[in-house]
């Protein structure tokens, strides 16, 4: 069912903000993999939204992908996974050995009607600029925002996307964070991907808007969109026809 772009963004942004530093997470996905991106190798566990996701959750997501959650053998951070967080497909939280929050990455579906890619990006960019900071200001203080810009997400040339970045202060613990909102149209379908990252500045101070050094940035550099999975019953029916 078609829903206006602005309403989709509103729901996703609210969910992404509300899920920062959630304590209780479930693990999902599995496997080990590595992808060379921008002259670096990302090593970690591959997480897939596929038929296994449907079997675990009982839900067929509107968007599917695979992504590597970075963790080299010498790294000591913990990665927790929550499937089907409010408004989204999955959220990954990265925590230090002492359980302190480092970063989070929230991934959700967003419908961006099919058109030329320039037109799709031009339609979604102003929504990010308008709604992103306004929603953050409902919960946080000293919210800043850079101009929306076009970026590439994923390995190789990557997928074209628009990005909004900035900072804020969480009055609950006086911690400062850098945030990153990304809307990435799927080149082949209207159902696309929305990503929200939060990075604790005490863990990593993002300089010049370069998230490539962050754990969530490394993860997004490996992201690949895939065909949405179908319900097991649908697969069985197709096999018998």
Protein backbone atom coordinates (compact mmCIF):
# COMPACT_ATOMS: atom_id res chain seq x y z
CA UNK A 1 0.00 0.00 0.00
CA UNK A 2 1.35 3.41 -0.97
CA UNK A 3 2.14 5.77 1.86
CA UNK A 4 3.43 9.33 1.34
CA UNK A 5 7.19 9.71 1.60
CA UNK A 6 6.95 12.29 4.37
CA UNK A 7 4.84 10.01 6.58
CA UNK A 8 7.21 7.12 6.08
CA UNK A 9 10.19 9.25 7.07
CA UNK A 10 8.34 10.56 10.12
CA UNK A 11 7.66 7.03 11.37
CA UNK A 12 11.18 5.79 10.67
CA UNK A 13 12.92 8.76 12.23
CA UNK A 14 10.86 8.52 15.40
CA UNK A 15 11.61 4.82 15.67
CA UNK A 16 15.32 5.31 15.02
CA UNK A 17 15.65 7.99 17.67
CA UNK A 18 13.66 6.01 20.22
CA UNK A 19 15.89 2.97 19.81
CA UNK A 20 19.20 4.63 20.70
CA UNK A 21 21.02 2.65 23.39
CA UNK A 22 18.28 0.03 23.89
CA UNK A 23 19.46 -2.51 26.47
CA UNK A 24 17.67 -5.74 25.50
CA UNK A 25 18.59 -7.19 22.12
CA UNK A 26 18.17 -10.50 20.28
CA UNK A 27 20.81 -12.08 18.07
CA UNK A 28 20.12 -12.99 14.45
CA UNK A 29 21.84 -13.90 11.22
CA UNK A 30 25.22 -15.59 11.19
CA UNK A 31 28.37 -16.42 9.32
CA UNK A 32 31.77 -14.85 8.75
CA UNK A 33 32.73 -12.81 5.74
CA UNK A 34 35.00 -10.06 4.50
CA UNK A 35 34.55 -7.36 1.86
CA UNK A 36 37.20 -5.02 0.46
CA UNK A 37 35.82 -1.49 0.39
CA UNK A 38 37.71 1.72 -0.38
CA UNK A 39 41.07 -0.01 0.10
CA UNK A 40 40.10 -1.48 3.46
CA UNK A 41 38.89 -4.94 4.41
CA UNK A 42 35.81 -5.25 6.59
CA UNK A 43 35.88 -8.47 8.60
CA UNK A 44 32.99 -9.68 10.68
CA UNK A 45 29.73 -11.59 10.76
CA UNK A 46 27.39 -11.44 7.80
CA UNK A 47 23.77 -10.66 8.62
CA UNK A 48 21.14 -11.39 5.97
CA UNK A 49 17.50 -10.46 5.63
CA UNK A 50 16.37 -13.55 3.74
CA UNK A 51 14.19 -16.62 4.09
CA UNK A 52 15.80 -17.36 7.45
CA UNK A 53 14.69 -13.94 8.69
CA UNK A 54 11.10 -14.75 7.65
CA UNK A 55 11.24 -18.09 9.48
CA UNK A 56 12.65 -16.52 12.67
CA UNK A 57 10.30 -13.55 12.80
CA UNK A 58 7.21 -14.70 10.92
CA UNK A 59 7.30 -11.42 8.99
CA UNK A 60 8.14 -10.69 5.35
CA UNK A 61 10.10 -7.40 5.24
CA UNK A 62 9.48 -4.80 2.57
CA UNK A 63 13.21 -4.44 1.97
CA UNK A 64 15.98 -7.06 2.03
CA UNK A 65 19.76 -6.81 2.23
CA UNK A 66 22.93 -8.31 3.56
CA UNK A 67 25.53 -6.52 5.62
CA UNK A 68 28.75 -7.33 7.47
CA UNK A 69 28.93 -6.39 11.16
CA UNK A 70 32.58 -5.42 11.62
CA UNK A 71 34.62 -7.15 14.29
CA UNK A 72 38.22 -8.17 13.87
CA UNK A 73 39.64 -10.88 16.17
CA UNK A 74 41.55 -8.31 18.22
CA UNK A 75 38.49 -6.11 18.78
CA UNK A 76 36.57 -6.53 22.03
CA UNK A 77 33.28 -4.73 21.39
CA UNK A 78 29.99 -6.62 21.58
CA UNK A 79 27.35 -6.57 18.83
CA UNK A 80 23.71 -7.11 19.70
CA UNK A 81 20.89 -7.52 17.22
CA UNK A 82 17.21 -6.70 17.51
CA UNK A 83 14.98 -7.93 14.72
CA UNK A 84 11.73 -6.08 13.95
CA UNK A 85 12.31 -3.05 16.18
CA UNK A 86 9.48 -0.53 16.10
CA UNK A 87 9.18 0.78 12.55
CA UNK A 88 12.18 -1.13 11.25
CA UNK A 89 13.68 -4.37 10.02
CA UNK A 90 16.67 -4.64 12.35
CA UNK A 91 18.87 -2.63 14.70
CA UNK A 92 22.50 -3.34 15.56
CA UNK A 93 24.04 -1.99 18.76
CA UNK A 94 27.79 -1.87 19.35
CA UNK A 95 28.96 -1.76 22.98
CA UNK A 96 32.32 -1.64 24.70
CA UNK A 97 33.57 -4.28 27.14
CA UNK A 98 32.15 -2.25 30.02
CA UNK A 99 28.71 -2.28 28.28
CA UNK A 100 28.90 1.43 27.47
CA UNK A 101 27.12 2.43 24.27
CA UNK A 102 29.39 3.02 21.27
CA UNK A 103 27.23 3.10 18.13
CA UNK A 104 23.93 1.90 16.70
CA UNK A 105 22.57 1.27 13.22
CA UNK A 106 18.82 1.10 12.53
CA UNK A 107 17.63 -0.16 9.14
CA UNK A 108 14.06 0.22 7.90
CA UNK A 109 11.96 0.21 4.73
CA UNK A 110 10.97 3.43 3.03
CA UNK A 111 8.87 3.75 -0.11
CA UNK A 112 10.36 6.09 -2.71
CA UNK A 113 8.17 5.98 -5.87
CA UNK A 114 9.92 4.93 -9.05
CA UNK A 115 11.23 7.70 -11.31
CA UNK A 116 14.63 8.81 -12.52
CA UNK A 117 17.23 8.47 -9.77
CA UNK A 118 17.91 12.22 -9.77
CA UNK A 119 14.21 12.86 -9.27
CA UNK A 120 13.91 10.33 -6.47
CA UNK A 121 16.86 11.79 -4.57
CA UNK A 122 15.59 15.33 -5.10
CA UNK A 123 12.20 14.35 -3.67
CA UNK A 124 13.53 12.73 -0.51
CA UNK A 125 16.35 15.19 0.35
CA UNK A 126 14.18 18.10 1.54
CA UNK A 127 12.22 15.75 3.81
CA UNK A 128 15.41 14.77 5.59
CA UNK A 129 16.45 18.39 6.04
CA UNK A 130 13.04 19.42 7.35
CA UNK A 131 12.01 16.53 9.56
CA UNK A 132 15.28 15.09 10.85
CA UNK A 133 16.41 17.94 13.12
CA UNK A 134 12.84 18.71 14.19
CA UNK A 135 12.30 15.18 15.44
CA UNK A 136 15.64 15.04 17.23
CA UNK A 137 14.78 18.27 19.02
CA UNK A 138 11.81 16.53 20.62
CA UNK A 139 14.16 14.38 22.70
CA UNK A 140 17.58 15.98 22.58
CA UNK A 141 19.26 19.36 22.98
CA UNK A 142 21.78 21.42 21.00
CA UNK A 143 20.82 19.69 17.74
CA UNK A 144 22.92 20.67 14.74
CA UNK A 145 22.50 19.67 11.10
CA UNK A 146 24.69 19.91 8.02
CA UNK A 147 23.18 20.45 4.56
CA UNK A 148 21.77 17.30 2.99
CA UNK A 149 24.22 15.82 0.51
CA UNK A 150 24.38 12.97 -1.96
CA UNK A 151 26.58 10.03 -0.98
CA UNK A 152 27.36 6.51 -2.13
CA UNK A 153 26.59 3.53 0.11
CA UNK A 154 27.87 -0.01 -0.33
CA UNK A 155 30.85 -1.70 -2.00
CA UNK A 156 32.34 -0.65 -5.32
CA UNK A 157 30.63 2.39 -6.79
CA UNK A 158 27.85 1.86 -4.27
CA UNK A 159 24.22 2.95 -4.32
CA UNK A 160 23.28 6.60 -4.70
CA UNK A 161 21.67 8.01 -1.56
CA UNK A 162 21.07 11.24 0.33
CA UNK A 163 22.49 11.87 3.78
CA UNK A 164 21.82 14.21 6.70
CA UNK A 165 24.40 14.41 9.49
CA UNK A 166 24.76 16.44 12.66
CA UNK A 167 25.20 16.29 16.42
CA UNK A 168 23.10 16.50 19.57
CA UNK A 169 23.30 16.38 23.36
CA UNK A 170 21.32 13.76 25.29
CA UNK A 171 20.21 15.53 28.50
CA UNK A 172 19.61 12.21 30.24
CA UNK A 173 23.31 11.44 30.59
CA UNK A 174 24.93 14.62 29.18
CA UNK A 175 26.48 12.53 26.41
CA UNK A 176 27.05 13.97 22.95
CA UNK A 177 26.34 12.04 19.76
CA UNK A 178 26.88 12.32 16.04
CA UNK A 179 23.95 11.15 13.95
CA UNK A 180 23.54 10.10 10.34
CA UNK A 181 20.28 9.65 8.41
CA UNK A 182 20.46 7.98 4.98
CA UNK A 183 17.69 7.42 2.44
CA UNK A 184 18.78 5.03 -0.29
CA UNK A 185 16.45 4.34 -3.22
CA UNK A 186 16.53 0.79 -4.51
CA UNK A 187 17.34 1.12 -8.24
CA UNK A 188 14.93 -1.70 -9.10
CA UNK A 189 11.90 -1.14 -6.87
CA UNK A 190 10.00 1.53 -4.95
CA UNK A 191 10.53 -0.19 -1.59
CA UNK A 192 13.89 1.17 -0.53
CA UNK A 193 16.17 1.42 2.50
CA UNK A 194 16.44 3.93 5.31
CA UNK A 195 19.34 3.93 7.79
CA UNK A 196 19.85 5.82 11.06
CA UNK A 197 23.24 5.78 12.81
CA UNK A 198 24.19 7.22 16.19
CA UNK A 199 27.82 7.43 17.34
CA UNK A 200 28.80 8.27 20.91
CA UNK A 201 31.39 11.06 20.65
CA UNK A 202 33.10 9.71 23.77
CA UNK A 203 33.82 6.58 21.74
CA UNK A 204 34.62 8.25 18.41
CA UNK A 205 34.58 11.89 17.38
CA UNK A 206 33.55 11.99 13.73
CA UNK A 207 35.66 14.58 11.90
CA UNK A 208 34.46 16.30 8.73
CA UNK A 209 31.41 14.08 8.40
CA UNK A 210 33.58 11.05 7.58
CA UNK A 211 31.74 8.04 8.98
CA UNK A 212 33.97 5.56 7.17
CA UNK A 213 36.08 5.15 10.32
CA UNK A 214 33.07 4.25 12.46
CA UNK A 215 31.80 0.72 13.02
CA UNK A 216 28.42 1.60 11.54
CA UNK A 217 30.12 3.30 8.60
CA UNK A 218 32.21 0.20 7.93
CA UNK A 219 29.07 -1.91 8.11
CA UNK A 220 27.20 0.28 5.62
CA UNK A 221 30.17 0.13 3.25
CA UNK A 222 29.42 -3.59 2.83
CA UNK A 223 25.64 -3.30 2.39
CA UNK A 224 24.06 -4.98 -0.62
CA UNK A 225 20.36 -4.83 -1.48
CA UNK A 226 18.78 -8.17 -2.33
CA UNK A 227 15.44 -9.42 -3.61
CA UNK A 228 12.83 -9.45 -0.83
CA UNK A 229 12.17 -12.93 0.59
CA UNK A 230 8.76 -14.55 0.34
CA UNK A 231 6.70 -16.45 2.88
CA UNK A 232 7.50 -20.18 3.10
CA UNK A 233 3.94 -21.05 2.04
CA UNK A 234 4.38 -18.97 -1.12
CA UNK A 235 7.64 -20.75 -1.88
CA UNK A 236 5.99 -24.16 -1.42
CA UNK A 237 3.07 -23.20 -3.67
CA UNK A 238 5.39 -21.96 -6.40
CA UNK A 239 7.36 -25.21 -6.26
CA UNK A 240 4.27 -27.35 -6.79
CA UNK A 241 2.83 -25.38 -9.71
